[in-house]
């Protein structure tokens, strides 16, 4: 199931942001937003002109690594 397993817990729209940069290319970040597509019972991710968006810089004072942000995350207890 992978990382999409958390999306049912991310509110009605199921949004998740992923940022990632490898140690071999520090500061070169790729990012996308993943969401549930309720009509097709599938997941979609953001691209710009068919490519994953990128930027150069640091995130939280880090030049490489992965960051995942889940929006409206809720686990019923």
PDB file of N, CA and C in Angstrom:
ATOM      1  N   UNK A   1       0.826  -1.191   0.000  1.00  0.00           N
ATOM      2  CA  UNK A   1       0.000   0.000   0.000  1.00  0.00           C
ATOM      3  C   UNK A   1       0.866   1.248   0.000  1.00  0.00           C
ATOM      4  N   UNK A   2       1.982   1.246   0.664  1.00  0.00           N
ATOM      5  CA  UNK A   2       2.901   2.375   0.607  1.00  0.00           C
ATOM      6  C   UNK A   2       2.395   3.614   1.306  1.00  0.00           C
ATOM      7  N   UNK A   3       2.914   4.760   0.889  1.00  0.00           N
ATOM      8  CA  UNK A   3       2.616   6.009   1.592  1.00  0.00           C
ATOM      9  C   UNK A   3       1.194   6.500   1.368  1.00  0.00           C
ATOM     10  N   UNK A   4       0.472   5.949   0.401  1.00  0.00           N
ATOM     11  CA  UNK A   4      -0.913   6.368   0.197  1.00  0.00           C
ATOM     12  C   UNK A   4      -1.829   5.849   1.299  1.00  0.00           C
ATOM     13  N   UNK A   5      -1.349   4.944   2.147  1.00  0.00           N
ATOM     14  CA  UNK A   5      -2.176   4.397   3.226  1.00  0.00           C
ATOM     15  C   UNK A   5      -2.628   5.474   4.207  1.00  0.00           C
ATOM     16  N   UNK A   6      -1.900   6.580   4.318  1.00  0.00           N
ATOM     17  CA  UNK A   6      -2.282   7.642   5.255  1.00  0.00           C
ATOM     18  C   UNK A   6      -3.367   8.554   4.693  1.00  0.00           C
ATOM     19  N   UNK A   7      -3.575   8.565   3.391  1.00  0.00           N
ATOM     20  CA  UNK A   7      -4.495   9.527   2.783  1.00  0.00           C
ATOM     21  C   UNK A   7      -5.937   9.417   3.276  1.00  0.00           C
ATOM     22  N   UNK A   8      -6.466   8.235   3.591  1.00  0.00           N
ATOM     23  CA  UNK A   8      -7.826   8.201   4.138  1.00  0.00           C
ATOM     24  C   UNK A   8      -7.969   8.947   5.466  1.00  0.00           C
ATOM     25  N   UNK A   9      -6.867   9.218   6.147  1.00  0.00           N
ATOM     26  CA  UNK A   9      -6.900   9.931   7.424  1.00  0.00           C
ATOM     27  C   UNK A   9      -6.625  11.426   7.260  1.00  0.00           C
ATOM     28  N   UNK A  10      -6.474  11.891   6.025  1.00  0.00           N
ATOM     29  CA  UNK A  10      -6.119  13.291   5.751  1.00  0.00           C
ATOM     30  C   UNK A  10      -7.331  14.099   5.318  1.00  0.00           C
ATOM     31  N   UNK A  11      -8.354  14.132   6.141  1.00  0.00           N
ATOM     32  CA  UNK A  11      -9.525  14.947   5.866  1.00  0.00           C
ATOM     33  C   UNK A  11     -10.336  14.464   4.677  1.00  0.00           C
ATOM     34  N   UNK A  12     -11.330  15.255   4.284  1.00  0.00           N
ATOM     35  CA  UNK A  12     -12.209  14.883   3.177  1.00  0.00           C
ATOM     36  C   UNK A  12     -11.507  14.863   1.830  1.00  0.00           C
ATOM     37  N   UNK A  13     -10.501  15.703   1.654  1.00  0.00           N
ATOM     38  CA  UNK A  13      -9.820  15.787   0.361  1.00  0.00           C
ATOM     39  C   UNK A  13      -8.578  14.914   0.278  1.00  0.00           C
ATOM     40  N   UNK A  14      -8.000  14.549   1.406  1.00  0.00           N
ATOM     41  CA  UNK A  14      -6.853  13.646   1.417  1.00  0.00           C
ATOM     42  C   UNK A  14      -5.600  14.212   0.789  1.00  0.00           C
ATOM     43  N   UNK A  15      -5.128  15.371   1.243  1.00  0.00           N
ATOM     44  CA  UNK A  15      -3.922  15.991   0.683  1.00  0.00           C
ATOM     45  C   UNK A  15      -2.672  15.637   1.477  1.00  0.00           C
ATOM     46  N   UNK A  16      -1.561  15.450   0.755  1.00  0.00           N
ATOM     47  CA  UNK A  16      -0.261  15.206   1.376  1.00  0.00           C
ATOM     48  C   UNK A  16       0.805  15.866   0.507  1.00  0.00           C
ATOM     49  N   UNK A  17       1.752  16.569   1.155  1.00  0.00           N
ATOM     50  CA  UNK A  17       2.875  17.214   0.476  1.00  0.00           C
ATOM     51  C   UNK A  17       4.130  16.380   0.716  1.00  0.00           C
ATOM     52  N   UNK A  18       4.913  16.141  -0.335  1.00  0.00           N
ATOM     53  CA  UNK A  18       6.183  15.430  -0.204  1.00  0.00           C
ATOM     54  C   UNK A  18       7.282  16.285  -0.823  1.00  0.00           C
ATOM     55  N   UNK A  19       8.355  16.518  -0.054  1.00  0.00           N
ATOM     56  CA  UNK A  19       9.570  17.198  -0.524  1.00  0.00           C
ATOM     57  C   UNK A  19      10.714  16.210  -0.383  1.00  0.00           C
ATOM     58  N   UNK A  20      11.596  16.142  -1.387  1.00  0.00           N
ATOM     59  CA  UNK A  20      12.709  15.205  -1.291  1.00  0.00           C
ATOM     60  C   UNK A  20      13.911  15.699  -2.082  1.00  0.00           C
ATOM     61  N   UNK A  21      15.103  15.539  -1.478  1.00  0.00           N
ATOM     62  CA  UNK A  21      16.373  15.847  -2.150  1.00  0.00           C
ATOM     63  C   UNK A  21      17.388  14.798  -1.713  1.00  0.00           C
ATOM     64  N   UNK A  22      18.136  14.262  -2.665  1.00  0.00           N
ATOM     65  CA  UNK A  22      19.130  13.242  -2.361  1.00  0.00           C
ATOM     66  C   UNK A  22      20.456  13.843  -1.928  1.00  0.00           C
ATOM     67  N   UNK A  23      21.230  13.071  -1.174  1.00  0.00           N
ATOM     68  CA  UNK A  23      22.531  13.573  -0.701  1.00  0.00           C
ATOM     69  C   UNK A  23      23.519  13.749  -1.848  1.00  0.00           C
ATOM     70  N   UNK A  24      23.291  13.074  -2.981  1.00  0.00           N
ATOM     71  CA  UNK A  24      24.190  13.236  -4.127  1.00  0.00           C
ATOM     72  C   UNK A  24      23.978  14.571  -4.844  1.00  0.00           C
ATOM     73  N   UNK A  25      22.805  15.184  -4.667  1.00  0.00           N
ATOM     74  CA  UNK A  25      22.498  16.501  -5.240  1.00  0.00           C
ATOM     75  C   UNK A  25      21.870  17.389  -4.168  1.00  0.00           C
ATOM     76  N   UNK A  26      22.609  17.729  -3.117  1.00  0.00           N
ATOM     77  CA  UNK A  26      22.014  18.513  -2.034  1.00  0.00           C
ATOM     78  C   UNK A  26      21.496  19.865  -2.524  1.00  0.00           C
ATOM     79  N   UNK A  27      20.358  20.242  -1.986  1.00  0.00           N
ATOM     80  CA  UNK A  27      19.763  21.524  -2.344  1.00  0.00           C
ATOM     81  C   UNK A  27      18.893  21.487  -3.582  1.00  0.00           C
ATOM     82  N   UNK A  28      18.830  20.362  -4.285  1.00  0.00           N
ATOM     83  CA  UNK A  28      17.959  20.209  -5.458  1.00  0.00           C
ATOM     84  C   UNK A  28      16.733  19.402  -5.035  1.00  0.00           C
ATOM     85  N   UNK A  29      15.678  20.115  -4.717  1.00  0.00           N
ATOM     86  CA  UNK A  29      14.474  19.510  -4.165  1.00  0.00           C
ATOM     87  C   UNK A  29      13.426  19.243  -5.233  1.00  0.00           C
ATOM     88  N   UNK A  30      12.780  18.104  -5.141  1.00  0.00           N
ATOM     89  CA  UNK A  30      11.582  17.788  -5.916  1.00  0.00           C
ATOM     90  C   UNK A  30      10.422  17.801  -4.932  1.00  0.00           C
ATOM     91  N   UNK A  31       9.247  18.177  -5.412  1.00  0.00           N
ATOM     92  CA  UNK A  31       8.099  18.201  -4.522  1.00  0.00           C
ATOM     93  C   UNK A  31       6.825  17.915  -5.294  1.00  0.00           C
ATOM     94  N   UNK A  32       5.828  17.429  -4.602  1.00  0.00           N
ATOM     95  CA  UNK A  32       4.524  17.238  -5.208  1.00  0.00           C
ATOM     96  C   UNK A  32       3.465  17.196  -4.117  1.00  0.00           C
ATOM     97  N   UNK A  33       2.234  17.339  -4.529  1.00  0.00           N
ATOM     98  CA  UNK A  33       1.085  17.183  -3.647  1.00  0.00           C
ATOM     99  C   UNK A  33       0.303  15.980  -4.163  1.00  0.00           C
ATOM    100  N   UNK A  34      -0.018  15.080  -3.261  1.00  0.00           N
ATOM    101  CA  UNK A  34      -0.795  13.893  -3.614  1.00  0.00           C
ATOM    102  C   UNK A  34      -2.179  14.061  -3.010  1.00  0.00           C
ATOM    103  N   UNK A  35      -3.210  13.635  -3.757  1.00  0.00           N
ATOM    104  CA  UNK A  35      -4.573  13.730  -3.236  1.00  0.00           C
ATOM    105  C   UNK A  35      -5.395  12.539  -3.693  1.00  0.00           C
ATOM    106  N   UNK A  36      -6.462  12.300  -2.947  1.00  0.00           N
ATOM    107  CA  UNK A  36      -7.412  11.263  -3.333  1.00  0.00           C
ATOM    108  C   UNK A  36      -8.275  11.795  -4.469  1.00  0.00           C
ATOM    109  N   UNK A  37      -8.548  10.953  -5.450  1.00  0.00           N
ATOM    110  CA  UNK A  37      -9.524  11.261  -6.487  1.00  0.00           C
ATOM    111  C   UNK A  37     -10.722  10.368  -6.214  1.00  0.00           C
ATOM    112  N   UNK A  38     -11.731  10.918  -5.594  1.00  0.00           N
ATOM    113  CA  UNK A  38     -12.890  10.119  -5.183  1.00  0.00           C
ATOM    114  C   UNK A  38     -13.683   9.577  -6.372  1.00  0.00           C
ATOM    115  N   UNK A  39     -13.712  10.291  -7.483  1.00  0.00           N
ATOM    116  CA  UNK A  39     -14.489   9.846  -8.636  1.00  0.00           C
ATOM    117  C   UNK A  39     -13.900   8.596  -9.270  1.00  0.00           C
ATOM    118  N   UNK A  40     -12.578   8.495  -9.307  1.00  0.00           N
ATOM    119  CA  UNK A  40     -11.923   7.355  -9.940  1.00  0.00           C
ATOM    120  C   UNK A  40     -11.368   6.365  -8.919  1.00  0.00           C
ATOM    121  N   UNK A  41     -11.585   6.628  -7.632  1.00  0.00           N
ATOM    122  CA  UNK A  41     -11.048   5.799  -6.552  1.00  0.00           C
ATOM    123  C   UNK A  41      -9.559   5.537  -6.795  1.00  0.00           C
ATOM    124  N   UNK A  42      -8.833   6.623  -6.967  1.00  0.00           N
ATOM    125  CA  UNK A  42      -7.389   6.534  -7.214  1.00  0.00           C
ATOM    126  C   UNK A  42      -6.715   7.734  -6.556  1.00  0.00           C
ATOM    127  N   UNK A  43      -5.414   7.837  -6.756  1.00  0.00           N
ATOM    128  CA  UNK A  43      -4.642   8.950  -6.222  1.00  0.00           C
ATOM    129  C   UNK A  43      -4.019   9.718  -7.374  1.00  0.00           C
ATOM    130  N   UNK A  44      -3.877  11.031  -7.201  1.00  0.00           N
ATOM    131  CA  UNK A  44      -3.270  11.878  -8.223  1.00  0.00           C
ATOM    132  C   UNK A  44      -2.144  12.674  -7.591  1.00  0.00           C
ATOM    133  N   UNK A  45      -1.143  13.019  -8.405  1.00  0.00           N
ATOM    134  CA  UNK A  45      -0.077  13.883  -7.909  1.00  0.00           C
ATOM    135  C   UNK A  45       0.127  15.034  -8.873  1.00  0.00           C
ATOM    136  N   UNK A  46       0.583  16.151  -8.316  1.00  0.00           N
ATOM    137  CA  UNK A  46       0.772  17.385  -9.063  1.00  0.00           C
ATOM    138  C   UNK A  46       2.000  17.303  -9.956  1.00  0.00           C
ATOM    139  N   UNK A  47       1.850  17.722 -11.206  1.00  0.00           N
ATOM    140  CA  UNK A  47       2.981  17.918 -12.112  1.00  0.00           C
ATOM    141  C   UNK A  47       2.810  19.273 -12.785  1.00  0.00           C
ATOM    142  N   UNK A  48       3.900  19.810 -13.287  1.00  0.00           N
ATOM    143  CA  UNK A  48       3.883  21.049 -14.058  1.00  0.00           C
ATOM    144  C   UNK A  48       4.451  20.706 -15.427  1.00  0.00           C
ATOM    145  N   UNK A  49       3.625  20.823 -16.452  1.00  0.00           N
ATOM    146  CA  UNK A  49       4.015  20.432 -17.812  1.00  0.00           C
ATOM    147  C   UNK A  49       4.538  19.000 -17.853  1.00  0.00           C
ATOM    148  N   UNK A  50       3.888  18.108 -17.086  1.00  0.00           N
ATOM    149  CA  UNK A  50       4.252  16.698 -17.078  1.00  0.00           C
ATOM    150  C   UNK A  50       5.464  16.342 -16.233  1.00  0.00           C
ATOM    151  N   UNK A  51       6.029  17.303 -15.516  1.00  0.00           N
ATOM    152  CA  UNK A  51       7.227  17.066 -14.702  1.00  0.00           C
ATOM    153  C   UNK A  51       6.935  17.361 -13.229  1.00  0.00           C
ATOM    154  N   UNK A  52       7.627  16.633 -12.353  1.00  0.00           N
ATOM    155  CA  UNK A  52       7.547  16.923 -10.918  1.00  0.00           C
ATOM    156  C   UNK A  52       8.222  18.278 -10.679  1.00  0.00           C
ATOM    157  N   UNK A  53       7.572  19.206  -9.967  1.00  0.00           N
ATOM    158  CA  UNK A  53       8.186  20.516  -9.708  1.00  0.00           C
ATOM    159  C   UNK A  53       9.467  20.391  -8.874  1.00  0.00           C
ATOM    160  N   UNK A  54      10.396  21.328  -9.095  1.00  0.00           N
ATOM    161  CA  UNK A  54      11.660  21.344  -8.359  1.00  0.00           C
ATOM    162  C   UNK A  54      11.996  22.767  -7.928  1.00  0.00           C
ATOM    163  N   UNK A  55      12.895  22.870  -6.958  1.00  0.00           N
ATOM    164  CA  UNK A  55      13.456  24.155  -6.564  1.00  0.00           C
ATOM    165  C   UNK A  55      14.800  23.898  -5.907  1.00  0.00           C
ATOM    166  N   UNK A  56      15.610  24.942  -5.794  1.00  0.00           N
ATOM    167  CA  UNK A  56      16.909  24.829  -5.133  1.00  0.00           C
ATOM    168  C   UNK A  56      16.884  25.613  -3.832  1.00  0.00           C
ATOM    169  N   UNK A  57      17.537  25.067  -2.810  1.00  0.00           N
ATOM    170  CA  UNK A  57      17.615  25.753  -1.527  1.00  0.00           C
ATOM    171  C   UNK A  57      17.658  24.774  -0.380  1.00  0.00           C
ATOM    172  N   UNK A  58      17.296  25.260   0.800  1.00  0.00           N
ATOM    173  CA  UNK A  58      17.258  24.438   1.999  1.00  0.00           C
ATOM    174  C   UNK A  58      15.837  24.416   2.548  1.00  0.00           C
ATOM    175  N   UNK A  59      15.512  23.328   3.219  1.00  0.00           N
ATOM    176  CA  UNK A  59      14.227  23.183   3.891  1.00  0.00           C
ATOM    177  C   UNK A  59      14.535  22.878   5.352  1.00  0.00           C
ATOM    178  N   UNK A  60      14.053  23.738   6.244  1.00  0.00           N
ATOM    179  CA  UNK A  60      14.319  23.542   7.671  1.00  0.00           C
ATOM    180  C   UNK A  60      15.813  23.370   7.937  1.00  0.00           C
ATOM    181  N   UNK A  61      16.637  24.180   7.288  1.00  0.00           N
ATOM    182  CA  UNK A  61      18.101  24.146   7.424  1.00  0.00           C
ATOM    183  C   UNK A  61      18.730  22.844   6.936  1.00  0.00           C
ATOM    184  N   UNK A  62      18.018  22.069   6.122  1.00  0.00           N
ATOM    185  CA  UNK A  62      18.535  20.816   5.567  1.00  0.00           C
ATOM    186  C   UNK A  62      18.704  20.974   4.057  1.00  0.00           C
ATOM    187  N   UNK A  63      19.785  20.422   3.518  1.00  0.00           N
ATOM    188  CA  UNK A  63      19.994  20.491   2.071  1.00  0.00           C
ATOM    189  C   UNK A  63      19.609  19.189   1.379  1.00  0.00           C
ATOM    190  N   UNK A  64      19.322  18.131   2.148  1.00  0.00           N
ATOM    191  CA  UNK A  64      18.815  16.889   1.557  1.00  0.00           C
ATOM    192  C   UNK A  64      17.989  16.141   2.592  1.00  0.00           C
ATOM    193  N   UNK A  65      17.216  15.190   2.123  1.00  0.00           N
ATOM    194  CA  UNK A  65      16.336  14.407   2.989  1.00  0.00           C
ATOM    195  C   UNK A  65      14.936  14.395   2.416  1.00  0.00           C
ATOM    196  N   UNK A  66      13.994  13.931   3.201  1.00  0.00           N
ATOM    197  CA  UNK A  66      12.592  13.891   2.788  1.00  0.00           C
ATOM    198  C   UNK A  66      11.721  14.481   3.888  1.00  0.00           C
ATOM    199  N   UNK A  67      10.723  15.217   3.479  1.00  0.00           N
ATOM    200  CA  UNK A  67       9.755  15.799   4.393  1.00  0.00           C
ATOM    201  C   UNK A  67       8.370  15.463   3.870  1.00  0.00           C
ATOM    202  N   UNK A  68       7.496  15.049   4.767  1.00  0.00           N
ATOM    203  CA  UNK A  68       6.129  14.704   4.401  1.00  0.00           C
ATOM    204  C   UNK A  68       5.199  15.486   5.315  1.00  0.00           C
ATOM    205  N   UNK A  69       4.230  16.182   4.723  1.00  0.00           N
ATOM    206  CA  UNK A  69       3.236  16.941   5.489  1.00  0.00           C
ATOM    207  C   UNK A  69       1.869  16.408   5.109  1.00  0.00           C
ATOM    208  N   UNK A  70       1.139  15.916   6.109  1.00  0.00           N
ATOM    209  CA  UNK A  70      -0.210  15.417   5.884  1.00  0.00           C
ATOM    210  C   UNK A  70      -1.184  16.466   6.404  1.00  0.00           C
ATOM    211  N   UNK A  71      -2.139  16.876   5.586  1.00  0.00           N
ATOM    212  CA  UNK A  71      -3.080  17.928   5.957  1.00  0.00           C
ATOM    213  C   UNK A  71      -4.344  17.330   6.558  1.00  0.00           C
ATOM    214  N   UNK A  72      -4.840  17.972   7.605  1.00  0.00           N
ATOM    215  CA  UNK A  72      -6.052  17.562   8.313  1.00  0.00           C
ATOM    216  C   UNK A  72      -5.960  16.120   8.798  1.00  0.00           C
ATOM    217  N   UNK A  73      -4.758  15.693   9.223  1.00  0.00           N
ATOM    218  CA  UNK A  73      -4.560  14.306   9.655  1.00  0.00           C
ATOM    219  C   UNK A  73      -5.327  14.043  10.940  1.00  0.00           C
ATOM    220  N   UNK A  74      -6.105  12.969  10.961  1.00  0.00           N
ATOM    221  CA  UNK A  74      -6.930  12.653  12.118  1.00  0.00           C
ATOM    222  C   UNK A  74      -7.046  11.137  12.253  1.00  0.00           C
ATOM    223  N   UNK A  75      -6.700  10.647  13.416  1.00  0.00           N
ATOM    224  CA  UNK A  75      -6.878   9.229  13.721  1.00  0.00           C
ATOM    225  C   UNK A  75      -7.913   9.140  14.831  1.00  0.00           C
ATOM    226  N   UNK A  76      -8.998   8.443  14.563  1.00  0.00           N
ATOM    227  CA  UNK A  76     -10.015   8.284  15.600  1.00  0.00           C
ATOM    228  C   UNK A  76      -9.498   7.318  16.646  1.00  0.00           C
ATOM    229  N   UNK A  77      -9.601   7.740  17.901  1.00  0.00           N
ATOM    230  CA  UNK A  77      -9.092   6.910  18.996  1.00  0.00           C
ATOM    231  C   UNK A  77     -10.241   6.337  19.784  1.00  0.00           C
TER     232      UNK A  77
END
